Amino acid sequence: MLVGMIALVLGAAFCGAALYIQVAEHPARMMLDDRNALAQWGPSYARAFNLQGGLAVASGLAGIVAAFLMRDLTWTLGALLMLANWPFTVWGILPLNNRLKAIPPDSAGRESRAMLDRWIWLHAVRTGLSGLAVLAYLWAAAS
């Protein structure tokens, strides 16, 4: 059961970080002018990518181990939802991230702001996936 709790805690940490970005950091960023919003997004994204990437993988792997040890597919569901953040990020968000990173802050304007507006909606998918993973883990832990 310990490995399941590890999956849950790591998944909740990922979800909390994603939710913080969703409801606090990005809305505050968007109150800045175009140049500073883009300039702040770059280093923030780089730091969050490292943190969240590791949490998603560790939580997902722990969930798979928990499913194997406890012979409960609910842990597998949580793990798959958590691990789904990786392909979604690579194929769904990374192209936009690369376009944003290619814009020098001095060239920021309506286009970069519109891209940042789109980015947060894509990021909401990651928040949702991790929230569903945490719910699956909680369901498994309660069974």
C-alpha atoms as a PDB file:
ATOM      1  CA  MET A   1       0.000   0.000   0.000  1.00  0.00           C
ATOM      2  CA  LEU A   2       2.960   2.324   0.590  1.00  0.00           C
ATOM      3  CA  VAL A   3       3.787   2.508  -3.111  1.00  0.00           C
ATOM      4  CA  GLY A   4       0.168   3.469  -3.806  1.00  0.00           C
ATOM      5  CA  MET A   5       0.385   6.288  -1.292  1.00  0.00           C
ATOM      6  CA  ILE A   6       3.603   7.445  -2.961  1.00  0.00           C
ATOM      7  CA  ALA A   7       1.772   7.502  -6.321  1.00  0.00           C
ATOM      8  CA  LEU A   8      -1.045   9.484  -4.729  1.00  0.00           C
ATOM      9  CA  VAL A   9       1.221  12.012  -3.007  1.00  0.00           C
ATOM     10  CA  LEU A  10       3.343  12.591  -6.123  1.00  0.00           C
ATOM     11  CA  GLY A  11       0.225  12.865  -8.280  1.00  0.00           C
ATOM     12  CA  ALA A  12      -1.315  15.346  -5.848  1.00  0.00           C
ATOM     13  CA  ALA A  13       1.907  17.387  -5.909  1.00  0.00           C
ATOM     14  CA  PHE A  14       1.769  17.478  -9.728  1.00  0.00           C
ATOM     15  CA  CYS A  15      -1.904  18.415  -9.652  1.00  0.00           C
ATOM     16  CA  GLY A  16      -1.296  21.136  -7.066  1.00  0.00           C
ATOM     17  CA  ALA A  17       1.508  22.636  -9.130  1.00  0.00           C
ATOM     18  CA  ALA A  18      -0.603  22.521 -12.279  1.00  0.00           C
ATOM     19  CA  LEU A  19      -3.567  24.053 -10.493  1.00  0.00           C
ATOM     20  CA  TYR A  20      -1.372  26.822  -9.058  1.00  0.00           C
ATOM     21  CA  ILE A  21      -0.147  27.676 -12.560  1.00  0.00           C
ATOM     22  CA  GLN A  22      -3.744  27.584 -13.820  1.00  0.00           C
ATOM     23  CA  VAL A  23      -5.411  29.789 -11.226  1.00  0.00           C
ATOM     24  CA  ALA A  24      -2.633  31.991  -9.821  1.00  0.00           C
ATOM     25  CA  GLU A  25       0.593  32.240 -11.793  1.00  0.00           C
ATOM     26  CA  HIS A  26      -0.696  32.520 -15.345  1.00  0.00           C
ATOM     27  CA  PRO A  27      -3.538  34.946 -14.568  1.00  0.00           C
ATOM     28  CA  ALA A  28      -1.029  37.160 -12.727  1.00  0.00           C
ATOM     29  CA  ARG A  29       1.392  36.871 -15.665  1.00  0.00           C
ATOM     30  CA  MET A  30      -1.318  37.985 -18.048  1.00  0.00           C
ATOM     31  CA  MET A  31      -1.776  41.200 -16.061  1.00  0.00           C
ATOM     32  CA  LEU A  32       1.703  42.228 -17.267  1.00  0.00           C
ATOM     33  CA  ASP A  33       2.357  43.968 -20.566  1.00  0.00           C
ATOM     34  CA  ASP A  34       3.044  41.732 -23.567  1.00  0.00           C
ATOM     35  CA  ARG A  35       6.845  41.911 -23.317  1.00  0.00           C
ATOM     36  CA  ASN A  36       7.030  41.116 -19.615  1.00  0.00           C
ATOM     37  CA  ALA A  37       4.350  38.420 -19.796  1.00  0.00           C
ATOM     38  CA  LEU A  38       6.370  36.593 -22.434  1.00  0.00           C
ATOM     39  CA  ALA A  39       9.659  37.232 -20.628  1.00  0.00           C
ATOM     40  CA  GLN A  40       8.237  35.799 -17.386  1.00  0.00           C
ATOM     41  CA  TRP A  41       6.676  32.778 -19.115  1.00  0.00           C
ATOM     42  CA  GLY A  42      10.010  31.443 -20.434  1.00  0.00           C
ATOM     43  CA  PRO A  43      11.899  30.801 -17.192  1.00  0.00           C
ATOM     44  CA  SER A  44       8.689  29.851 -15.367  1.00  0.00           C
ATOM     45  CA  TYR A  45       7.903  27.229 -17.990  1.00  0.00           C
ATOM     46  CA  ALA A  46      11.446  25.803 -17.861  1.00  0.00           C
ATOM     47  CA  ARG A  47      11.327  25.371 -14.093  1.00  0.00           C
ATOM     48  CA  ALA A  48       7.808  23.939 -14.059  1.00  0.00           C
ATOM     49  CA  PHE A  49       8.660  21.493 -16.866  1.00  0.00           C
ATOM     50  CA  ASN A  50      11.476  19.968 -14.833  1.00  0.00           C
ATOM     51  CA  LEU A  51       9.384  19.742 -11.681  1.00  0.00           C
ATOM     52  CA  GLN A  52       6.179  18.475 -13.232  1.00  0.00           C
ATOM     53  CA  GLY A  53       7.848  16.103 -15.672  1.00  0.00           C
ATOM     54  CA  GLY A  54       9.556  14.233 -12.870  1.00  0.00           C
ATOM     55  CA  LEU A  55       6.430  14.167 -10.724  1.00  0.00           C
ATOM     56  CA  ALA A  56       4.300  12.782 -13.560  1.00  0.00           C
ATOM     57  CA  VAL A  57       6.723   9.977 -14.349  1.00  0.00           C
ATOM     58  CA  ALA A  58       7.367   9.061 -10.705  1.00  0.00           C
ATOM     59  CA  SER A  59       3.652   9.089  -9.866  1.00  0.00           C
ATOM     60  CA  GLY A  60       2.769   7.062 -12.936  1.00  0.00           C
ATOM     61  CA  LEU A  61       5.446   4.451 -12.306  1.00  0.00           C
ATOM     62  CA  ALA A  62       4.479   4.159  -8.649  1.00  0.00           C
ATOM     63  CA  GLY A  63       0.861   3.732  -9.730  1.00  0.00           C
ATOM     64  CA  ILE A  64       1.823   0.901 -12.084  1.00  0.00           C
ATOM     65  CA  VAL A  65       3.794  -0.827  -9.318  1.00  0.00           C
ATOM     66  CA  ALA A  66       0.839  -0.370  -6.948  1.00  0.00           C
ATOM     67  CA  ALA A  67      -1.498  -1.909  -9.543  1.00  0.00           C
ATOM     68  CA  PHE A  68       0.797  -4.887  -9.932  1.00  0.00           C
ATOM     69  CA  LEU A  69       1.313  -5.432  -6.210  1.00  0.00           C
ATOM     70  CA  MET A  70      -2.315  -4.923  -5.226  1.00  0.00           C
ATOM     71  CA  ARG A  71      -3.828  -6.440  -8.359  1.00  0.00           C
ATOM     72  CA  ASP A  72      -6.169  -3.480  -8.700  1.00  0.00           C
ATOM     73  CA  LEU A  73      -6.743  -1.884 -12.102  1.00  0.00           C
ATOM     74  CA  THR A  74      -7.866   1.372 -10.506  1.00  0.00           C
ATOM     75  CA  TRP A  75      -4.217   2.116  -9.744  1.00  0.00           C
ATOM     76  CA  THR A  76      -3.490   1.463 -13.424  1.00  0.00           C
ATOM     77  CA  LEU A  77      -6.171   3.967 -14.423  1.00  0.00           C
ATOM     78  CA  GLY A  78      -4.588   6.627 -12.208  1.00  0.00           C
ATOM     79  CA  ALA A  79      -1.128   5.819 -13.550  1.00  0.00           C
ATOM     80  CA  LEU A  80      -2.278   6.023 -17.173  1.00  0.00           C
ATOM     81  CA  LEU A  81      -4.002   9.343 -16.565  1.00  0.00           C
ATOM     82  CA  MET A  82      -0.867  10.717 -14.915  1.00  0.00           C
ATOM     83  CA  LEU A  83       1.445   9.372 -17.612  1.00  0.00           C
ATOM     84  CA  ALA A  84      -0.875  10.761 -20.329  1.00  0.00           C
ATOM     85  CA  ASN A  85       0.546  14.172 -19.440  1.00  0.00           C
ATOM     86  CA  TRP A  86       3.768  13.255 -21.245  1.00  0.00           C
ATOM     87  CA  PRO A  87       2.396  12.538 -24.738  1.00  0.00           C
ATOM     88  CA  PHE A  88      -0.104  15.372 -24.407  1.00  0.00           C
ATOM     89  CA  THR A  89       2.704  17.753 -23.519  1.00  0.00           C
ATOM     90  CA  VAL A  90       4.945  16.537 -26.348  1.00  0.00           C
ATOM     91  CA  TRP A  91       2.301  16.573 -29.080  1.00  0.00           C
ATOM     92  CA  GLY A  92      -0.271  19.013 -27.760  1.00  0.00           C
ATOM     93  CA  ILE A  93       1.692  21.754 -26.026  1.00  0.00           C
ATOM     94  CA  LEU A  94       5.354  21.524 -27.078  1.00  0.00           C
ATOM     95  CA  PRO A  95       4.830  22.955 -30.595  1.00  0.00           C
ATOM     96  CA  LEU A  96       3.230  26.052 -29.050  1.00  0.00           C
ATOM     97  CA  ASN A  97       5.932  26.223 -26.365  1.00  0.00           C
ATOM     98  CA  ASN A  98       8.611  26.188 -29.047  1.00  0.00           C
ATOM     99  CA  ARG A  99       6.874  28.971 -30.958  1.00  0.00           C
ATOM    100  CA  LEU A 100       6.622  31.047 -27.761  1.00  0.00           C
ATOM    101  CA  LYS A 101      10.279  30.436 -26.888  1.00  0.00           C
ATOM    102  CA  ALA A 102      11.308  31.592 -30.364  1.00  0.00           C
ATOM    103  CA  ILE A 103       9.765  35.046 -29.881  1.00  0.00           C
ATOM    104  CA  PRO A 104      12.212  37.571 -28.438  1.00  0.00           C
ATOM    105  CA  PRO A 105      10.525  39.465 -25.578  1.00  0.00           C
ATOM    106  CA  ASP A 106      11.094  42.750 -27.433  1.00  0.00           C
ATOM    107  CA  SER A 107       8.951  41.375 -30.283  1.00  0.00           C
ATOM    108  CA  ALA A 108       6.057  40.403 -28.020  1.00  0.00           C
ATOM    109  CA  GLY A 109       2.653  41.715 -28.961  1.00  0.00           C
ATOM    110  CA  ARG A 110      -0.888  40.641 -29.706  1.00  0.00           C
ATOM    111  CA  GLU A 111       0.268  37.399 -31.333  1.00  0.00           C
ATOM    112  CA  SER A 112       2.352  36.295 -28.338  1.00  0.00           C
ATOM    113  CA  ARG A 113      -0.454  37.253 -25.953  1.00  0.00           C
ATOM    114  CA  ALA A 114      -2.926  35.197 -27.988  1.00  0.00           C
ATOM    115  CA  MET A 115      -0.479  32.286 -27.879  1.00  0.00           C
ATOM    116  CA  LEU A 116      -0.207  32.610 -24.088  1.00  0.00           C
ATOM    117  CA  ASP A 117      -4.011  32.647 -23.895  1.00  0.00           C
ATOM    118  CA  ARG A 118      -4.096  29.415 -25.913  1.00  0.00           C
ATOM    119  CA  TRP A 119      -1.282  27.931 -23.813  1.00  0.00           C
ATOM    120  CA  ILE A 120      -3.255  28.133 -20.567  1.00  0.00           C
ATOM    121  CA  TRP A 121      -6.191  26.291 -22.126  1.00  0.00           C
ATOM    122  CA  LEU A 122      -3.855  23.518 -23.241  1.00  0.00           C
ATOM    123  CA  HIS A 123      -2.305  23.503 -19.776  1.00  0.00           C
ATOM    124  CA  ALA A 124      -5.816  23.036 -18.348  1.00  0.00           C
ATOM    125  CA  VAL A 125      -5.847  19.586 -19.957  1.00  0.00           C
ATOM    126  CA  ARG A 126      -2.760  18.674 -17.904  1.00  0.00           C
ATOM    127  CA  THR A 127      -4.440  19.989 -14.769  1.00  0.00           C
ATOM    128  CA  GLY A 128      -7.531  17.927 -15.578  1.00  0.00           C
ATOM    129  CA  LEU A 129      -5.589  14.738 -16.330  1.00  0.00           C
ATOM    130  CA  SER A 130      -3.705  14.992 -13.068  1.00  0.00           C
ATOM    131  CA  GLY A 131      -6.881  15.761 -11.122  1.00  0.00           C
ATOM    132  CA  LEU A 132      -8.560  12.678 -12.571  1.00  0.00           C
ATOM    133  CA  ALA A 133      -5.447  10.618 -11.768  1.00  0.00           C
ATOM    134  CA  VAL A 134      -5.566  11.775  -8.144  1.00  0.00           C
ATOM    135  CA  LEU A 135      -9.256  10.861  -7.951  1.00  0.00           C
ATOM    136  CA  ALA A 136      -8.486   7.390  -9.355  1.00  0.00           C
ATOM    137  CA  TYR A 137      -5.677   6.947  -6.840  1.00  0.00           C
ATOM    138  CA  LEU A 138      -7.982   8.022  -4.010  1.00  0.00           C
ATOM    139  CA  TRP A 139     -10.619   5.588  -5.218  1.00  0.00           C
ATOM    140  CA  ALA A 140      -8.035   2.790  -5.326  1.00  0.00           C
ATOM    141  CA  ALA A 141      -6.712   3.669  -1.884  1.00  0.00           C
ATOM    142  CA  ALA A 142     -10.216   3.654  -0.421  1.00  0.00           C
ATOM    143  CA  SER A 143     -11.083   0.229  -1.880  1.00  0.00           C
END
